[in-house]
Protein backbone atom coordinates (compact mmCIF):
# COMPACT_ATOMS: atom_id res chain seq x y z
CA MET A 1 5.75 -33.15 4.57
CA HIS A 2 3.34 -34.56 1.97
CA GLY A 3 0.00 -32.99 3.74
CA MET A 4 2.07 -29.71 3.94
CA THR A 5 2.98 -29.94 0.09
CA SER A 6 -0.71 -30.65 -0.81
CA TYR A 7 -1.64 -27.75 1.11
CA PHE A 8 0.40 -25.38 -0.61
CA ILE A 9 -0.41 -26.78 -4.03
CA ARG A 10 -4.23 -26.11 -3.08
CA ARG A 11 -3.34 -22.67 -2.44
CA LEU A 12 -1.60 -22.00 -5.45
CA LEU A 13 -4.19 -23.30 -7.44
CA LEU A 14 -6.92 -20.82 -5.84
CA VAL A 15 -4.63 -17.85 -6.51
CA PRO A 16 -5.70 -17.58 -10.42
CA LEU A 17 -9.35 -17.66 -9.09
CA THR A 18 -8.98 -15.57 -6.28
CA PHE A 19 -7.31 -13.24 -8.78
CA ALA A 20 -9.86 -13.27 -11.20
CA CYS A 21 -12.81 -12.66 -9.06
CA ILE A 22 -11.32 -9.67 -7.33
CA THR A 23 -9.93 -8.04 -10.69
CA PHE A 24 -13.42 -8.89 -12.27
CA LEU A 25 -15.47 -7.20 -9.65
CA VAL A 26 -13.13 -4.09 -9.52
CA TYR A 27 -13.33 -4.04 -13.32
CA SER A 28 -17.14 -4.08 -13.27
CA VAL A 29 -17.38 -1.42 -10.71
CA ILE A 30 -15.19 0.80 -12.63
CA ARG A 31 -17.09 0.61 -15.99
CA LEU A 32 -20.34 1.10 -14.36
CA ALA A 33 -19.04 4.02 -12.39
CA PRO A 34 -19.87 7.77 -13.68
CA GLY A 35 -17.26 10.18 -14.80
CA GLY A 36 -15.36 7.77 -16.94
CA PRO A 37 -12.98 8.73 -19.66
CA ILE A 38 -15.58 9.70 -22.30
CA GLU A 39 -17.21 11.89 -19.82
CA GLN A 40 -13.78 13.17 -19.21
CA ALA A 41 -13.11 13.87 -22.80
CA GLN A 42 -16.10 15.81 -23.08
CA HIS A 43 -15.56 17.86 -20.25
CA GLN A 44 -11.90 18.78 -21.63
CA ILE A 45 -13.30 19.74 -25.11
CA ARG A 46 -16.25 21.87 -23.47
CA GLN A 47 -13.56 23.68 -21.41
CA ALA A 48 -11.46 24.18 -24.47
CA ALA A 49 -14.45 25.37 -26.55
CA MET A 50 -15.43 27.82 -23.93
CA SER A 51 -11.74 29.14 -23.79
CA GLU A 52 -11.58 29.77 -27.38
CA GLY A 53 -15.06 31.13 -27.96
CA GLY A 54 -15.26 33.39 -24.99
CA GLY A 55 -17.14 31.74 -22.23
CA GLY A 56 -20.47 30.22 -22.78
CA ALA A 57 -20.67 31.49 -26.39
CA ALA A 58 -19.05 28.99 -27.69
CA LEU A 59 -21.69 26.36 -26.48
CA GLY A 60 -24.63 28.00 -28.53
CA THR A 61 -27.75 28.89 -26.45
CA GLY A 62 -26.50 27.60 -23.60
CA GLN A 63 -27.24 23.99 -23.81
CA GLU A 64 -24.59 21.01 -22.84
CA PHE A 65 -21.94 20.56 -25.46
CA GLU A 66 -22.31 16.76 -26.86
CA LEU A 67 -19.96 14.84 -29.05
CA PRO A 68 -21.06 13.79 -32.31
CA GLN A 69 -22.32 9.98 -32.34
CA GLU A 70 -19.47 8.92 -34.63
CA ALA A 71 -17.23 10.77 -32.06
CA MET A 72 -18.79 8.87 -29.34
CA ASP A 73 -18.35 5.49 -30.98
CA GLN A 74 -14.97 6.08 -31.67
CA LEU A 75 -14.12 7.00 -27.96
CA LYS A 76 -15.94 4.02 -27.11
CA ARG A 77 -14.04 1.86 -29.36
CA TYR A 78 -10.63 3.40 -28.18
CA TYR A 79 -11.58 2.69 -24.54
CA LYS A 80 -12.94 -0.68 -25.28
CA LEU A 81 -16.27 0.66 -23.72
CA ASP A 82 -18.20 -0.80 -26.93
CA LYS A 83 -18.03 -4.37 -25.50
CA PRO A 84 -20.06 -6.19 -22.85
CA ILE A 85 -18.39 -5.78 -19.53
CA TYR A 86 -17.08 -9.55 -19.56
CA LEU A 87 -15.71 -9.34 -22.95
CA GLY A 88 -13.98 -5.87 -22.03
CA TYR A 89 -12.77 -7.67 -19.04
CA LEU A 90 -11.28 -10.93 -21.08
CA ILE A 91 -9.61 -8.43 -23.37
CA TRP A 92 -8.02 -6.69 -20.48
CA LEU A 93 -7.07 -9.91 -19.25
CA GLY A 94 -5.51 -10.69 -22.27
CA VAL A 95 -7.08 -14.00 -23.41
CA TRP A 96 -9.56 -12.61 -25.96
CA PRO A 97 -8.40 -10.92 -29.35
CA ASP A 98 -8.44 -7.00 -29.09
CA GLU A 99 -9.99 -5.76 -32.27
CA THR A 100 -8.33 -2.52 -31.92
CA LYS A 101 -5.06 -4.27 -32.22
CA ASN A 102 -5.89 -6.27 -35.92
CA GLY A 103 -7.14 -9.06 -33.41
CA ALA A 104 -3.89 -9.54 -31.36
CA PHE A 105 -3.75 -10.77 -27.68
CA SER A 106 -2.97 -7.73 -25.68
CA GLY A 107 -3.50 -7.65 -22.19
CA ILE A 108 -2.21 -8.29 -18.46
CA ALA A 109 -1.38 -11.81 -19.66
CA GLN A 110 1.18 -10.45 -22.29
CA GLY A 111 2.55 -8.00 -19.68
CA ASP A 112 0.69 -5.10 -21.33
CA PHE A 113 -1.26 -3.09 -18.73
CA GLY A 114 -2.31 -0.47 -21.37
CA THR A 115 -1.67 3.26 -21.61
CA SER A 116 -2.03 5.76 -18.68
CA TYR A 117 -5.01 8.44 -19.60
CA ARG A 118 -3.14 10.96 -17.58
CA TYR A 119 0.58 10.44 -18.54
CA SER A 120 0.26 8.96 -21.76
CA ASP A 121 3.16 6.30 -20.82
CA PRO A 122 2.67 2.57 -20.50
CA VAL A 123 0.80 1.96 -17.15
CA LEU A 124 3.67 -0.97 -16.07
CA ASP A 125 6.36 1.90 -16.81
CA THR A 126 4.26 4.61 -14.79
CA ILE A 127 3.94 2.30 -11.74
CA ILE A 128 7.11 0.50 -11.50
CA SER A 129 8.66 4.30 -11.41
CA LYS A 130 6.85 4.94 -8.30
CA PHE A 131 7.92 1.47 -6.30
CA PRO A 132 11.19 2.61 -4.96
CA ILE A 133 9.70 5.45 -3.05
CA SER A 134 6.95 3.27 -1.49
CA ILE A 135 9.53 0.75 -0.71
CA TYR A 136 11.52 3.14 0.90
CA PHE A 137 8.80 4.29 3.33
CA GLY A 138 7.26 0.92 3.82
CA LEU A 139 10.71 -0.93 4.63
CA ILE A 140 11.99 1.72 6.91
CA GLY A 141 8.65 1.75 8.34
CA TYR A 142 8.18 -1.75 8.98
CA ILE A 143 11.62 -2.08 10.47
CA ALA A 144 11.39 0.88 12.71
CA THR A 145 7.87 -0.86 14.20
CA TRP A 146 9.83 -3.97 15.04
CA VAL A 147 12.61 -2.23 16.63
CA VAL A 148 9.95 0.11 18.74
CA CYS A 149 7.37 -2.48 19.26
CA ILE A 150 9.22 -5.90 20.30
CA PRO A 151 11.27 -4.15 23.19
CA LEU A 152 8.13 -2.26 24.15
CA GLY A 153 5.92 -5.51 24.16
CA VAL A 154 8.38 -7.35 26.17
CA LYS A 155 8.70 -4.87 28.89
CA LYS A 156 5.23 -4.37 29.00
CA ALA A 157 4.71 -8.28 29.30
CA LEU A 158 7.38 -8.57 32.09
CA GLU A 159 5.84 -5.56 33.93
CA HIS A 160 2.31 -6.43 33.70
CA ARG A 161 -0.30 -4.29 35.41
CA SER A 162 2.50 -1.85 36.41
CA ALA A 163 2.50 1.78 36.23
CA PHE A 164 4.62 1.45 33.16
CA ASP A 165 1.92 -0.72 31.51
CA THR A 166 -0.63 1.15 32.16
CA VAL A 167 0.52 4.50 30.98
CA SER A 168 2.15 3.06 28.04
CA SER A 169 -0.85 1.02 26.80
CA LEU A 170 -2.87 4.51 27.05
CA ALA A 171 -0.12 5.94 24.68
CA VAL A 172 -0.32 2.95 22.26
CA PHE A 173 -3.99 3.11 21.96
CA LEU A 174 -4.19 6.73 21.47
CA GLY A 175 -2.02 6.35 18.73
CA TYR A 176 -3.94 3.67 17.43
CA SER A 177 -6.88 5.70 17.14
CA ILE A 178 -5.50 8.49 15.26
CA PRO A 179 -5.43 7.85 11.25
CA GLY A 180 -2.13 7.99 9.87
CA PHE A 181 -2.73 10.99 7.75
CA VAL A 182 -4.25 12.81 10.53
CA ALA A 183 -1.28 12.46 12.33
CA ALA A 184 0.47 13.65 9.54
CA LEU A 185 -1.42 16.63 9.25
CA ALA A 186 -1.00 17.54 12.82
CA LEU A 187 3.01 17.00 13.04
CA MET A 188 3.23 19.04 9.79
CA LEU A 189 1.01 21.89 11.44
CA ILE A 190 3.54 21.81 14.63
CA PHE A 191 6.86 21.05 13.12
CA ALA A 192 6.64 22.29 9.42
CA THR A 193 4.77 25.79 10.02
CA ASP A 194 5.69 28.92 11.83
CA ASN A 195 2.28 28.62 13.96
CA PHE A 196 3.92 27.05 17.04
CA GLY A 197 7.47 28.43 16.27
CA MET A 198 9.00 25.22 15.58
CA GLN A 199 9.39 25.19 11.83
CA ILE A 200 12.12 22.55 11.99
CA LEU A 201 11.08 20.07 9.35
CA PRO A 202 9.91 20.11 5.74
CA LEU A 203 6.39 20.80 4.68
CA GLY A 204 6.10 17.32 2.73
CA ASP A 205 7.60 16.28 -0.52
CA PHE A 206 10.12 13.24 -0.67
CA ARG A 207 13.26 15.41 -0.96
CA SER A 208 14.03 18.85 -1.57
CA GLU A 209 14.49 20.77 -5.09
CA GLY A 210 17.56 20.56 -6.39
CA TRP A 211 18.62 17.34 -4.04
CA ASP A 212 20.03 15.28 -7.28
CA GLU A 213 22.22 18.05 -8.25
CA MET A 214 23.80 18.27 -4.64
CA TRP A 215 24.33 14.36 -4.84
CA ALA A 216 26.25 14.74 -7.85
CA GLN A 217 28.24 17.40 -6.50
CA GLY A 218 29.20 14.91 -3.69
CA GLU A 219 27.15 16.94 -0.78
CA ILE A 220 26.39 13.79 0.57
CA TRP A 221 25.98 15.00 4.34
CA TRP A 222 23.42 17.59 3.16
CA CYS A 223 21.59 14.81 0.91
CA VAL A 224 21.69 12.56 4.01
CA LYS A 225 20.13 15.23 6.44
CA ASP A 226 17.43 16.57 3.73
CA GLN A 227 16.53 12.95 3.18
CA VAL A 228 16.14 12.10 6.76
CA SER A 229 14.11 15.26 7.58
CA HIS A 230 11.58 14.52 4.64
CA THR A 231 11.14 10.81 5.97
CA ILE A 232 10.65 11.78 9.79
CA ILE A 233 6.88 12.62 9.50
CA PRO A 234 5.85 10.05 6.71
CA LEU A 235 7.68 7.24 8.86
CA ILE A 236 5.67 8.09 12.15
CA ALA A 237 2.17 8.10 10.37
CA TYR A 238 3.22 4.89 8.78
CA MET A 239 4.22 3.29 11.97
CA LEU A 240 0.85 4.25 13.55
CA ALA A 241 -1.14 1.96 11.55
CA GLY A 242 0.75 -1.34 12.97
CA PHE A 243 2.01 -0.10 15.96
CA ALA A 244 -0.70 -0.74 18.66
CA THR A 245 -1.18 -4.09 17.02
CA MET A 246 2.31 -5.48 17.07
CA THR A 247 2.92 -4.10 20.63
CA ILE A 248 -0.13 -5.52 22.07
CA LEU A 249 0.52 -9.04 20.00
CA MET A 250 3.82 -9.31 21.50
CA LYS A 251 2.97 -8.45 25.11
CA ASN A 252 -0.12 -11.30 24.87
CA SER A 253 1.93 -13.73 23.50
CA LEU A 254 4.82 -13.39 25.74
CA LEU A 255 2.46 -13.59 28.64
CA ASP A 256 1.16 -16.72 27.39
CA ASN A 257 4.35 -18.22 26.80
CA LEU A 258 5.81 -17.08 30.27
CA GLY A 259 2.54 -19.10 31.78
CA ALA A 260 3.15 -22.23 29.84
CA ASP A 261 4.50 -25.64 31.22
CA TYR A 262 8.00 -25.38 29.66
CA VAL A 263 8.87 -22.21 31.00
CA ARG A 264 7.58 -23.41 34.55
CA THR A 265 9.79 -26.68 34.12
CA ALA A 266 13.05 -24.28 32.74
CA PHE A 267 12.49 -22.13 36.29
CA ALA A 268 12.25 -25.52 38.07
CA LYS A 269 15.66 -26.63 36.60
CA GLY A 270 17.37 -23.65 37.80
CA LEU A 271 17.69 -21.56 34.86
CA SER A 272 17.77 -17.70 35.39
CA GLU A 273 15.08 -15.51 34.56
CA LYS A 274 17.13 -13.93 31.53
CA ARG A 275 17.66 -17.24 29.83
CA VAL A 276 14.23 -18.28 30.43
CA VAL A 277 12.58 -15.21 29.04
CA PHE A 278 15.01 -14.33 26.21
CA MET A 279 16.18 -17.82 25.15
CA HIS A 280 12.87 -19.86 25.43
CA ALA A 281 9.57 -17.48 26.00
CA LEU A 282 10.65 -14.80 23.72
CA ARG A 283 11.62 -17.22 20.79
CA ASN A 284 8.20 -18.63 20.80
CA SER A 285 6.07 -15.72 21.26
CA LEU A 286 7.97 -14.20 18.04
CA ILE A 287 6.32 -16.94 16.16
CA PRO A 288 2.68 -14.88 15.47
CA ILE A 289 4.43 -11.81 14.85
CA CYS A 290 6.92 -13.73 12.22
CA VAL A 291 4.06 -14.96 10.43
CA GLY A 292 2.92 -11.26 9.38
CA VAL A 293 6.07 -11.01 7.40
CA GLY A 294 4.29 -11.99 4.20
CA HIS A 295 1.32 -9.90 4.75
CA ALA A 296 3.68 -7.05 5.38
CA ILE A 297 5.18 -7.39 1.69
CA GLY A 298 2.02 -5.53 0.45
CA LEU A 299 2.88 -2.47 2.49
CA LEU A 300 6.27 -2.08 0.81
CA PHE A 301 4.96 -1.87 -2.49
CA ALA A 302 1.48 -0.45 -1.94
CA GLY A 303 2.07 2.85 -0.21
CA SER A 304 -0.44 4.80 1.73
CA PHE A 305 -3.11 7.01 -0.35
CA LEU A 306 -3.85 9.16 2.28
CA ILE A 307 -0.21 9.50 3.90
CA GLU A 308 1.01 10.06 0.60
CA LYS A 309 -1.48 12.45 -0.54
CA THR A 310 -1.12 14.38 2.76
CA CYS A 311 2.71 14.44 2.54
CA ASN A 312 2.96 14.96 -1.15
CA ILE A 313 5.02 12.02 -1.58
CA PRO A 314 5.24 10.95 -5.31
CA GLY A 315 4.86 7.16 -4.41
CA MET A 316 2.53 4.31 -5.27
CA GLY A 317 -0.34 5.86 -2.82
CA LEU A 318 -0.30 9.38 -4.31
CA LEU A 319 -0.33 7.62 -7.97
CA GLY A 320 -3.22 5.59 -7.04
CA PHE A 321 -5.35 8.64 -5.37
CA ASN A 322 -4.49 11.00 -8.24
CA SER A 323 -5.75 8.18 -10.65
CA LEU A 324 -8.66 7.48 -8.83
CA VAL A 325 -9.64 11.17 -8.73
CA GLU A 326 -8.72 11.84 -12.44
CA ARG A 327 -10.56 8.44 -13.91
CA ASP A 328 -7.14 7.13 -15.01
CA TYR A 329 -8.57 3.45 -14.85
CA PRO A 330 -5.77 1.82 -16.61
CA VAL A 331 -3.43 2.98 -13.83
CA LEU A 332 -6.11 2.08 -11.37
CA MET A 333 -6.24 -1.51 -12.27
CA GLY A 334 -2.61 -1.88 -12.91
CA ILE A 335 -2.08 -1.04 -9.21
CA LEU A 336 -4.90 -3.29 -8.49
CA THR A 337 -3.52 -6.05 -10.51
CA ILE A 338 0.01 -5.80 -9.01
CA GLY A 339 -1.42 -5.28 -5.15
CA VAL A 340 -3.46 -8.35 -5.55
CA ILE A 341 -0.72 -10.53 -6.72
CA ILE A 342 1.55 -9.08 -3.79
CA ARG A 343 -0.97 -9.89 -1.17
CA LEU A 344 -1.76 -13.48 -2.34
CA THR A 345 1.98 -14.28 -2.65
CA GLY A 346 2.20 -12.77 0.74
CA ASN A 347 -0.45 -14.98 2.37
CA ILE A 348 1.21 -18.14 1.00
CA ILE A 349 4.67 -16.60 2.30
CA SER A 350 3.14 -16.11 5.72
CA ASP A 351 2.05 -19.77 5.67
CA ILE A 352 5.43 -21.08 4.83
CA VAL A 353 6.85 -18.77 7.42
CA LEU A 354 4.53 -20.26 9.92
CA ALA A 355 5.51 -23.81 8.89
CA LEU A 356 9.21 -22.86 9.06
CA VAL A 357 9.45 -21.37 12.39
CA ASP A 358 6.69 -23.53 14.20
CA PRO A 359 7.29 -27.25 13.69
CA ARG A 360 4.12 -27.96 15.72
CA VAL A 361 2.08 -26.52 12.59
CA ARG A 362 0.89 -29.18 10.41
CA PHE A 363 -1.55 -28.71 7.40
CA GLY A 364 -3.79 -31.09 6.35
């Protein structure tokens, strides 16, 4: 017990260092990448000048529009780009005084993630508003994966090398080879358009327009059917990512346990095959899968950039995609920060779950 406690203390002490290394690396890449907020501001002003002045005439003799140096300096100061990268990172982190806020400490250490360039709203509020949608798909997708993959893996193990095992393996690896967003596109093409005469599902979005009004009017059954119809295609796309991994892991883990000495001993004692498989071998076979519970926490919050973009689902994934395209760096850093914290926490939870479900594990 003492060794386990010291192990988790060491893991917890490494969390701040790991977090700092990851966030500093990404912050540095963002600072050095072209197309930042100043370039975006120049582009917007150039477009406005062209619109007001009638095309290129507003730009004089065809030369590129440039902001005055004073305006450039003010923009750099506003976006904290006038400081070296390391100093800008410390200000963002909240451990160095911010001159633009009268020397006050203002950063993620104080719960201030900044303001979105695109939405002009606090970053933390913008991100939290997207949590429910990503959690909805992540949680349902994870539960559905368990419901499908565990029985399938058990059946494949019990019928190892049979025709069912071979055919199901081909189907599993075929699904694994198809990216989730590609599967979503294909499913929408087949079931959400009239190209194949099967336009039975909606073409993206989280819910139909007017869903809230229908719910307020008590049309619960209509709302449930609408939500389910919008869930089917993204759910299948989400499941493909872990479908093959969990199925094969379940099968191989059960096969290993079925060949273990304690299983042969149980059969020698006269226990039925059903009792040996489901009461002894299966319980131990679930240990490697249970360990993945901590890692799955990140999926519940992070969403999927490409799947949510493809299906136009306004969750964390689509927010991150749009923020990347539009160079909304505060939101990107906010998503990264929360994602890193969740992932690091999930890793520790996985170790705790492993220690709880498998008494043989000892941490030195």
